[in-house]
C-alpha cells in the first residue's frame, strides 16, 4: 500500500549497518537505546546534502540493466575425449 501511495523517486536507501531501525532488532536492548545518538538522531549522513546520501544499489542496478542491450551468440567448440589414465 505504501508503494502504491508514494513515488519511487522520493524513497532513499539506508544501508543496514547505518539504519537505526536495526538497532533494537539486532544489537541493542531498550535501555541501551536511551543515550544512543544514532537511535535519537539517525545516521550521520542525514546531516549531509541529499545528493550525498547513499543510493539504493538495487534501484541503481535495475536502472542500469534497463538500458543494457542483450546480445546472444551461438558458439561451438570441438569436444575431445581422451581416456583417463
PDB file of N, CA and C in Angstrom:
ATOM      1  N   UNK A   1       0.827  -1.191   0.000  1.00  0.00           N
ATOM      2  CA  UNK A   1       0.000   0.000   0.000  1.00  0.00           C
ATOM      3  C   UNK A   1       0.871   1.254   0.000  1.00  0.00           C
ATOM      4  N   UNK A   2       1.960   1.233   0.767  1.00  0.00           N
ATOM      5  CA  UNK A   2       2.848   2.395   0.806  1.00  0.00           C
ATOM      6  C   UNK A   2       3.428   2.652  -0.577  1.00  0.00           C
ATOM      7  N   UNK A   3       3.823   1.599  -1.270  1.00  0.00           N
ATOM      8  CA  UNK A   3       4.395   1.756  -2.611  1.00  0.00           C
ATOM      9  C   UNK A   3       3.384   2.329  -3.590  1.00  0.00           C
ATOM     10  N   UNK A   4       2.125   1.977  -3.415  1.00  0.00           N
ATOM     11  CA  UNK A   4       1.085   2.484  -4.302  1.00  0.00           C
ATOM     12  C   UNK A   4       0.799   3.959  -4.060  1.00  0.00           C
ATOM     13  N   UNK A   5       0.995   4.417  -2.825  1.00  0.00           N
ATOM     14  CA  UNK A   5       0.649   5.787  -2.462  1.00  0.00           C
ATOM     15  C   UNK A   5       1.824   6.759  -2.522  1.00  0.00           C
ATOM     16  N   UNK A   6       3.011   6.282  -2.852  1.00  0.00           N
ATOM     17  CA  UNK A   6       4.190   7.149  -2.894  1.00  0.00           C
ATOM     18  C   UNK A   6       4.929   6.985  -4.217  1.00  0.00           C
ATOM     19  N   UNK A   7       5.826   7.925  -4.476  1.00  0.00           N
ATOM     20  CA  UNK A   7       6.658   7.863  -5.679  1.00  0.00           C
ATOM     21  C   UNK A   7       8.004   7.251  -5.348  1.00  0.00           C
ATOM     22  N   UNK A   8       8.493   6.384  -6.207  1.00  0.00           N
ATOM     23  CA  UNK A   8       9.794   5.741  -6.016  1.00  0.00           C
ATOM     24  C   UNK A   8      10.904   6.780  -5.899  1.00  0.00           C
ATOM     25  N   UNK A   9      10.789   7.883  -6.614  1.00  0.00           N
ATOM     26  CA  UNK A   9      11.814   8.922  -6.614  1.00  0.00           C
ATOM     27  C   UNK A   9      11.984   9.563  -5.238  1.00  0.00           C
ATOM     28  N   UNK A  10      10.975   9.478  -4.383  1.00  0.00           N
ATOM     29  CA  UNK A  10      11.046  10.079  -3.052  1.00  0.00           C
ATOM     30  C   UNK A  10      11.652   9.144  -2.011  1.00  0.00           C
ATOM     31  N   UNK A  11      11.868   7.906  -2.365  1.00  0.00           N
ATOM     32  CA  UNK A  11      12.432   6.935  -1.432  1.00  0.00           C
ATOM     33  C   UNK A  11      13.945   7.036  -1.435  1.00  0.00           C
ATOM     34  N   UNK A  12      14.546   6.851  -0.291  1.00  0.00           N
ATOM     35  CA  UNK A  12      16.000   6.862  -0.151  1.00  0.00           C
ATOM     36  C   UNK A  12      16.441   5.561   0.496  1.00  0.00           C
ATOM     37  N   UNK A  13      17.678   5.179   0.248  1.00  0.00           N
ATOM     38  CA  UNK A  13      18.223   3.927   0.767  1.00  0.00           C
ATOM     39  C   UNK A  13      19.091   4.194   1.985  1.00  0.00           C
ATOM     40  N   UNK A  14      18.923   3.382   3.014  1.00  0.00           N
ATOM     41  CA  UNK A  14      19.782   3.441   4.195  1.00  0.00           C
ATOM     42  C   UNK A  14      20.396   2.057   4.380  1.00  0.00           C
ATOM     43  N   UNK A  15      21.710   1.933   4.157  1.00  0.00           N
ATOM     44  CA  UNK A  15      22.347   0.623   4.332  1.00  0.00           C
ATOM     45  C   UNK A  15      22.110   0.073   5.732  1.00  0.00           C
ATOM     46  N   UNK A  16      21.973  -1.220   5.848  1.00  0.00           N
ATOM     47  CA  UNK A  16      21.652  -1.861   7.125  1.00  0.00           C
ATOM     48  C   UNK A  16      22.566  -1.478   8.262  1.00  0.00           C
ATOM     49  N   UNK A  17      23.876  -1.374   8.008  1.00  0.00           N
ATOM     50  CA  UNK A  17      24.800  -1.052   9.094  1.00  0.00           C
ATOM     51  C   UNK A  17      24.654   0.392   9.573  1.00  0.00           C
ATOM     52  N   UNK A  18      23.948   1.241   8.807  1.00  0.00           N
ATOM     53  CA  UNK A  18      23.701   2.625   9.218  1.00  0.00           C
ATOM     54  C   UNK A  18      22.270   2.846   9.695  1.00  0.00           C
ATOM     55  N   UNK A  19      21.410   1.861   9.523  1.00  0.00           N
ATOM     56  CA  UNK A  19      19.985   2.012   9.790  1.00  0.00           C
ATOM     57  C   UNK A  19      19.669   1.875  11.276  1.00  0.00           C
ATOM     58  N   UNK A  20      19.215   2.954  11.932  1.00  0.00           N
ATOM     59  CA  UNK A  20      18.906   2.872  13.356  1.00  0.00           C
ATOM     60  C   UNK A  20      17.740   1.931  13.667  1.00  0.00           C
ATOM     61  N   UNK A  21      16.886   1.658  12.701  1.00  0.00           N
ATOM     62  CA  UNK A  21      15.776   0.733  12.933  1.00  0.00           C
ATOM     63  C   UNK A  21      16.273  -0.679  13.196  1.00  0.00           C
ATOM     64  N   UNK A  22      17.493  -0.987  12.766  1.00  0.00           N
ATOM     65  CA  UNK A  22      18.063  -2.311  13.008  1.00  0.00           C
ATOM     66  C   UNK A  22      18.596  -2.471  14.430  1.00  0.00           C
ATOM     67  N   UNK A  23      18.822  -1.385  15.131  1.00  0.00           N
ATOM     68  CA  UNK A  23      19.413  -1.473  16.469  1.00  0.00           C
ATOM     69  C   UNK A  23      18.589  -2.312  17.444  1.00  0.00           C
ATOM     70  N   UNK A  24      17.292  -2.036  17.621  1.00  0.00           N
ATOM     71  CA  UNK A  24      16.555  -2.838  18.608  1.00  0.00           C
ATOM     72  C   UNK A  24      16.360  -4.288  18.188  1.00  0.00           C
ATOM     73  N   UNK A  25      16.339  -4.548  16.903  1.00  0.00           N
ATOM     74  CA  UNK A  25      16.112  -5.920  16.458  1.00  0.00           C
ATOM     75  C   UNK A  25      17.383  -6.752  16.424  1.00  0.00           C
ATOM     76  N   UNK A  26      18.534  -6.120  16.430  1.00  0.00           N
ATOM     77  CA  UNK A  26      19.775  -6.887  16.264  1.00  0.00           C
ATOM     78  C   UNK A  26      20.774  -6.731  17.398  1.00  0.00           C
ATOM     79  N   UNK A  27      21.046  -5.499  17.801  1.00  0.00           N
ATOM     80  CA  UNK A  27      22.223  -5.303  18.624  1.00  0.00           C
ATOM     81  C   UNK A  27      21.978  -4.636  19.969  1.00  0.00           C
ATOM     82  N   UNK A  28      20.910  -3.907  20.132  1.00  0.00           N
ATOM     83  CA  UNK A  28      20.747  -3.106  21.351  1.00  0.00           C
ATOM     84  C   UNK A  28      19.474  -3.475  22.098  1.00  0.00           C
ATOM     85  N   UNK A  29      19.572  -3.471  23.401  1.00  0.00           N
ATOM     86  CA  UNK A  29      18.361  -3.614  24.211  1.00  0.00           C
ATOM     87  C   UNK A  29      17.774  -2.218  24.421  1.00  0.00           C
ATOM     88  N   UNK A  30      16.574  -2.149  24.919  1.00  0.00           N
ATOM     89  CA  UNK A  30      15.883  -0.877  25.107  1.00  0.00           C
ATOM     90  C   UNK A  30      16.651   0.139  25.926  1.00  0.00           C
ATOM     91  N   UNK A  31      17.250  -0.283  27.042  1.00  0.00           N
ATOM     92  CA  UNK A  31      17.957   0.687  27.880  1.00  0.00           C
ATOM     93  C   UNK A  31      19.227   1.203  27.203  1.00  0.00           C
ATOM     94  N   UNK A  32      19.783   0.467  26.247  1.00  0.00           N
ATOM     95  CA  UNK A  32      20.954   0.944  25.508  1.00  0.00           C
ATOM     96  C   UNK A  32      20.590   1.980  24.447  1.00  0.00           C
ATOM     97  N   UNK A  33      19.325   2.040  24.063  1.00  0.00           N
ATOM     98  CA  UNK A  33      18.908   2.996  23.040  1.00  0.00           C
ATOM     99  C   UNK A  33      18.730   4.407  23.599  1.00  0.00           C
ATOM    100  N   UNK A  34      18.524   4.533  24.905  1.00  0.00           N
ATOM    101  CA  UNK A  34      18.225   5.832  25.521  1.00  0.00           C
ATOM    102  C   UNK A  34      19.285   6.874  25.183  1.00  0.00           C
ATOM    103  N   UNK A  35      20.547   6.555  25.314  1.00  0.00           N
ATOM    104  CA  UNK A  35      21.596   7.521  25.030  1.00  0.00           C
ATOM    105  C   UNK A  35      22.274   7.316  23.694  1.00  0.00           C
ATOM    106  N   UNK A  36      21.693   6.515  22.838  1.00  0.00           N
ATOM    107  CA  UNK A  36      22.320   6.187  21.560  1.00  0.00           C
ATOM    108  C   UNK A  36      22.045   7.290  20.540  1.00  0.00           C
ATOM    109  N   UNK A  37      23.106   7.984  20.135  1.00  0.00           N
ATOM    110  CA  UNK A  37      22.973   9.110  19.204  1.00  0.00           C
ATOM    111  C   UNK A  37      22.371   8.682  17.868  1.00  0.00           C
ATOM    112  N   UNK A  38      22.781   7.526  17.385  1.00  0.00           N
ATOM    113  CA  UNK A  38      22.249   7.027  16.110  1.00  0.00           C
ATOM    114  C   UNK A  38      20.742   6.779  16.207  1.00  0.00           C
ATOM    115  N   UNK A  39      20.292   6.256  17.342  1.00  0.00           N
ATOM    116  CA  UNK A  39      18.869   5.990  17.545  1.00  0.00           C
ATOM    117  C   UNK A  39      18.077   7.293  17.644  1.00  0.00           C
ATOM    118  N   UNK A  40      18.640   8.280  18.341  1.00  0.00           N
ATOM    119  CA  UNK A  40      17.934   9.542  18.568  1.00  0.00           C
ATOM    120  C   UNK A  40      17.950  10.463  17.348  1.00  0.00           C
ATOM    121  N   UNK A  41      19.054  10.489  16.614  1.00  0.00           N
ATOM    122  CA  UNK A  41      19.218  11.462  15.531  1.00  0.00           C
ATOM    123  C   UNK A  41      19.318  10.859  14.142  1.00  0.00           C
ATOM    124  N   UNK A  42      19.409   9.554  14.070  1.00  0.00           N
ATOM    125  CA  UNK A  42      19.557   8.912  12.769  1.00  0.00           C
ATOM    126  C   UNK A  42      21.007   8.843  12.350  1.00  0.00           C
ATOM    127  N   UNK A  43      21.272   8.252  11.208  1.00  0.00           N
ATOM    128  CA  UNK A  43      22.655   8.108  10.744  1.00  0.00           C
ATOM    129  C   UNK A  43      23.272   9.467  10.400  1.00  0.00           C
ATOM    130  N   UNK A  44      24.589   9.534  10.485  1.00  0.00           N
ATOM    131  CA  UNK A  44      25.316  10.784  10.252  1.00  0.00           C
ATOM    132  C   UNK A  44      25.066  11.370   8.867  1.00  0.00           C
ATOM    133  N   UNK A  45      24.821  10.527   7.862  1.00  0.00           N
ATOM    134  CA  UNK A  45      24.669  11.060   6.510  1.00  0.00           C
ATOM    135  C   UNK A  45      23.452  11.971   6.379  1.00  0.00           C
ATOM    136  N   UNK A  46      22.503  11.916   7.323  1.00  0.00           N
ATOM    137  CA  UNK A  46      21.334  12.799   7.259  1.00  0.00           C
ATOM    138  C   UNK A  46      21.720  14.266   7.414  1.00  0.00           C
ATOM    139  N   UNK A  47      22.907  14.529   7.939  1.00  0.00           N
ATOM    140  CA  UNK A  47      23.384  15.904   8.089  1.00  0.00           C
ATOM    141  C   UNK A  47      24.013  16.423   6.793  1.00  0.00           C
ATOM    142  N   UNK A  48      24.217  15.556   5.830  1.00  0.00           N
ATOM    143  CA  UNK A  48      24.810  15.929   4.543  1.00  0.00           C
ATOM    144  C   UNK A  48      23.722  16.348   3.560  1.00  0.00           C
ATOM    145  N   UNK A  49      24.088  17.045   2.473  1.00  0.00           N
ATOM    146  CA  UNK A  49      23.112  17.332   1.418  1.00  0.00           C
ATOM    147  C   UNK A  49      22.553  16.022   0.847  1.00  0.00           C
ATOM    148  N   UNK A  50      21.307  16.047   0.420  1.00  0.00           N
ATOM    149  CA  UNK A  50      20.641  14.821  -0.047  1.00  0.00           C
ATOM    150  C   UNK A  50      21.363  14.139  -1.206  1.00  0.00           C
ATOM    151  N   UNK A  51      22.067  14.917  -2.022  1.00  0.00           N
ATOM    152  CA  UNK A  51      22.766  14.278  -3.139  1.00  0.00           C
ATOM    153  C   UNK A  51      23.984  13.475  -2.686  1.00  0.00           C
ATOM    154  N   UNK A  52      24.340  13.565  -1.404  1.00  0.00           N
ATOM    155  CA  UNK A  52      25.446  12.781  -0.856  1.00  0.00           C
ATOM    156  C   UNK A  52      24.959  11.600  -0.016  1.00  0.00           C
ATOM    157  N   UNK A  53      23.655  11.406   0.054  1.00  0.00           N
ATOM    158  CA  UNK A  53      23.105  10.270   0.789  1.00  0.00           C
ATOM    159  C   UNK A  53      23.366   8.988   0.007  1.00  0.00           C
ATOM    160  N   UNK A  54      23.396   7.847   0.696  1.00  0.00           N
ATOM    161  CA  UNK A  54      23.575   6.570  -0.014  1.00  0.00           C
ATOM    162  C   UNK A  54      22.444   6.344  -1.012  1.00  0.00           C
ATOM    163  N   UNK A  55      22.767   5.652  -2.079  1.00  0.00           N
ATOM    164  CA  UNK A  55      21.746   5.302  -3.063  1.00  0.00           C
ATOM    165  C   UNK A  55      21.422   3.825  -2.926  1.00  0.00           C
ATOM    166  N   UNK A  56      20.266   3.459  -3.390  1.00  0.00           N
ATOM    167  CA  UNK A  56      19.832   2.067  -3.329  1.00  0.00           C
ATOM    168  C   UNK A  56      20.550   1.290  -4.424  1.00  0.00           C
ATOM    169  N   UNK A  57      21.432   0.376  -4.057  1.00  0.00           N
ATOM    170  CA  UNK A  57      22.178  -0.350  -5.090  1.00  0.00           C
ATOM    171  C   UNK A  57      21.283  -1.160  -6.012  1.00  0.00           C
ATOM    172  N   UNK A  58      20.186  -1.704  -5.507  1.00  0.00           N
ATOM    173  CA  UNK A  58      19.284  -2.488  -6.358  1.00  0.00           C
ATOM    174  C   UNK A  58      18.580  -1.590  -7.357  1.00  0.00           C
ATOM    175  N   UNK A  59      18.163  -0.400  -6.914  1.00  0.00           N
ATOM    176  CA  UNK A  59      17.493   0.534  -7.809  1.00  0.00           C
ATOM    177  C   UNK A  59      18.449   1.001  -8.897  1.00  0.00           C
ATOM    178  N   UNK A  60      19.668   1.340  -8.506  1.00  0.00           N
ATOM    179  CA  UNK A  60      20.673   1.776  -9.465  1.00  0.00           C
ATOM    180  C   UNK A  60      20.979   0.658 -10.447  1.00  0.00           C
ATOM    181  N   UNK A  61      21.135  -0.551  -9.935  1.00  0.00           N
ATOM    182  CA  UNK A  61      21.434  -1.690 -10.792  1.00  0.00           C
ATOM    183  C   UNK A  61      20.283  -1.942 -11.757  1.00  0.00           C
ATOM    184  N   UNK A  62      19.040  -1.832 -11.272  1.00  0.00           N
ATOM    185  CA  UNK A  62      17.876  -2.041 -12.131  1.00  0.00           C
ATOM    186  C   UNK A  62      17.853  -1.003 -13.249  1.00  0.00           C
ATOM    187  N   UNK A  63      18.123   0.272 -12.917  1.00  0.00           N
ATOM    188  CA  UNK A  63      18.123   1.322 -13.927  1.00  0.00           C
ATOM    189  C   UNK A  63      19.216   1.085 -14.964  1.00  0.00           C
ATOM    190  N   UNK A  64      20.382   0.629 -14.517  1.00  0.00           N
ATOM    191  CA  UNK A  64      21.473   0.343 -15.444  1.00  0.00           C
ATOM    192  C   UNK A  64      21.117  -0.830 -16.348  1.00  0.00           C
ATOM    193  N   UNK A  65      20.504  -1.860 -15.784  1.00  0.00           N
ATOM    194  CA  UNK A  65      20.132  -3.030 -16.581  1.00  0.00           C
ATOM    195  C   UNK A  65      19.045  -2.701 -17.591  1.00  0.00           C
ATOM    196  N   UNK A  66      18.181  -1.752 -17.263  1.00  0.00           N
ATOM    197  CA  UNK A  66      17.112  -1.376 -18.178  1.00  0.00           C
ATOM    198  C   UNK A  66      17.683  -0.786 -19.464  1.00  0.00           C
ATOM    199  N   UNK A  67      18.866  -0.191 -19.389  1.00  0.00           N
ATOM    200  CA  UNK A  67      19.498   0.420 -20.554  1.00  0.00           C
ATOM    201  C   UNK A  67      20.565  -0.474 -21.180  1.00  0.00           C
ATOM    202  N   UNK A  68      20.607  -1.723 -20.791  1.00  0.00           N
ATOM    203  CA  UNK A  68      21.615  -2.647 -21.293  1.00  0.00           C
ATOM    204  C   UNK A  68      21.062  -3.436 -22.474  1.00  0.00           C
ATOM    205  N   UNK A  69      21.870  -3.536 -23.523  1.00  0.00           N
ATOM    206  CA  UNK A  69      21.488  -4.336 -24.679  1.00  0.00           C
ATOM    207  C   UNK A  69      21.988  -5.763 -24.473  1.00  0.00           C
ATOM    208  N   UNK A  70      21.122  -6.719 -24.676  1.00  0.00           N
ATOM    209  CA  UNK A  70      21.493  -8.123 -24.536  1.00  0.00           C
ATOM    210  C   UNK A  70      21.804  -8.682 -25.915  1.00  0.00           C
ATOM    211  N   UNK A  71      22.997  -9.227 -26.041  1.00  0.00           N
ATOM    212  CA  UNK A  71      23.425  -9.819 -27.310  1.00  0.00           C
ATOM    213  C   UNK A  71      23.635 -11.311 -27.082  1.00  0.00           C
ATOM    214  N   UNK A  72      22.969 -12.123 -27.895  1.00  0.00           N
ATOM    215  CA  UNK A  72      23.119 -13.572 -27.792  1.00  0.00           C
ATOM    216  C   UNK A  72      23.938 -14.068 -28.971  1.00  0.00           C
ATOM    217  N   UNK A  73      24.887 -14.949 -28.673  1.00  0.00           N
ATOM    218  CA  UNK A  73      25.715 -15.547 -29.712  1.00  0.00           C
ATOM    219  C   UNK A  73      25.752 -17.052 -29.504  1.00  0.00           C
ATOM    220  N   UNK A  74      25.778 -17.773 -30.607  1.00  0.00           N
ATOM    221  CA  UNK A  74      25.946 -19.222 -30.549  1.00  0.00           C
ATOM    222  C   UNK A  74      27.404 -19.552 -30.819  1.00  0.00           C
ATOM    223  N   UNK A  75      27.989 -20.296 -29.946  1.00  0.00           N
ATOM    224  CA  UNK A  75      29.374 -20.720 -30.100  1.00  0.00           C
ATOM    225  C   UNK A  75      29.432 -22.235 -30.091  1.00  0.00           C
ATOM    226  N   UNK A  76      30.335 -22.787 -30.876  1.00  0.00           N
ATOM    227  CA  UNK A  76      30.531 -24.236 -30.836  1.00  0.00           C
ATOM    228  C   UNK A  76      32.022 -24.525 -30.749  1.00  0.00           C
ATOM    229  N   UNK A  77      32.331 -25.536 -29.984  1.00  0.00           N
ATOM    230  CA  UNK A  77      33.708 -25.951 -29.769  1.00  0.00           C
ATOM    231  C   UNK A  77      33.800 -27.455 -29.988  1.00  0.00           C
ATOM    232  N   UNK A  78      34.900 -27.902 -30.597  1.00  0.00           N
ATOM    233  CA  UNK A  78      35.058 -29.356 -30.738  1.00  0.00           C
ATOM    234  C   UNK A  78      35.298 -29.990 -29.370  1.00  0.00           C
ATOM    235  N   UNK A  79      34.720 -31.117 -29.165  1.00  0.00           N
ATOM    236  CA  UNK A  79      34.867 -31.833 -27.904  1.00  0.00           C
ATOM    237  C   UNK A  79      35.797 -33.016 -28.120  1.00  0.00           C
ATOM    238  N   UNK A  80      36.861 -33.066 -27.357  1.00  0.00           N
ATOM    239  CA  UNK A  80      37.822 -34.160 -27.465  1.00  0.00           C
ATOM    240  C   UNK A  80      37.718 -35.032 -26.231  1.00  0.00           C
ATOM    241  N   UNK A  81      37.565 -36.300 -26.452  1.00  0.00           N
ATOM    242  CA  UNK A  81      37.529 -37.244 -25.337  1.00  0.00           C
ATOM    243  C   UNK A  81      38.844 -37.993 -25.291  1.00  0.00           C
ATOM    244  N   UNK A  82      39.543 -37.835 -24.211  1.00  0.00           N
ATOM    245  CA  UNK A  82      40.789 -38.572 -24.014  1.00  0.00           C
ATOM    246  C   UNK A  82      40.574 -39.555 -22.878  1.00  0.00           C
ATOM    247  N   UNK A  83      41.100 -40.742 -23.013  1.00  0.00           N
ATOM    248  CA  UNK A  83      40.940 -41.710 -21.918  1.00  0.00           C
ATOM    249  C   UNK A  83      41.654 -41.223 -20.659  1.00  0.00           C
ATOM    250  N   UNK A  84      41.035 -41.471 -19.524  1.00  0.00           N
ATOM    251  CA  UNK A  84      41.649 -41.122 -18.246  1.00  0.00           C
ATOM    252  C   UNK A  84      42.724 -42.131 -17.910  1.00  0.00           C
ATOM    253  N   UNK A  85      43.830 -41.677 -17.391  1.00  0.00           N
ATOM    254  CA  UNK A  85      44.921 -42.592 -17.026  1.00  0.00           C
ATOM    255  C   UNK A  85      44.908 -42.889 -15.560  1.00  0.00           C
TER     256      UNK A  85
END
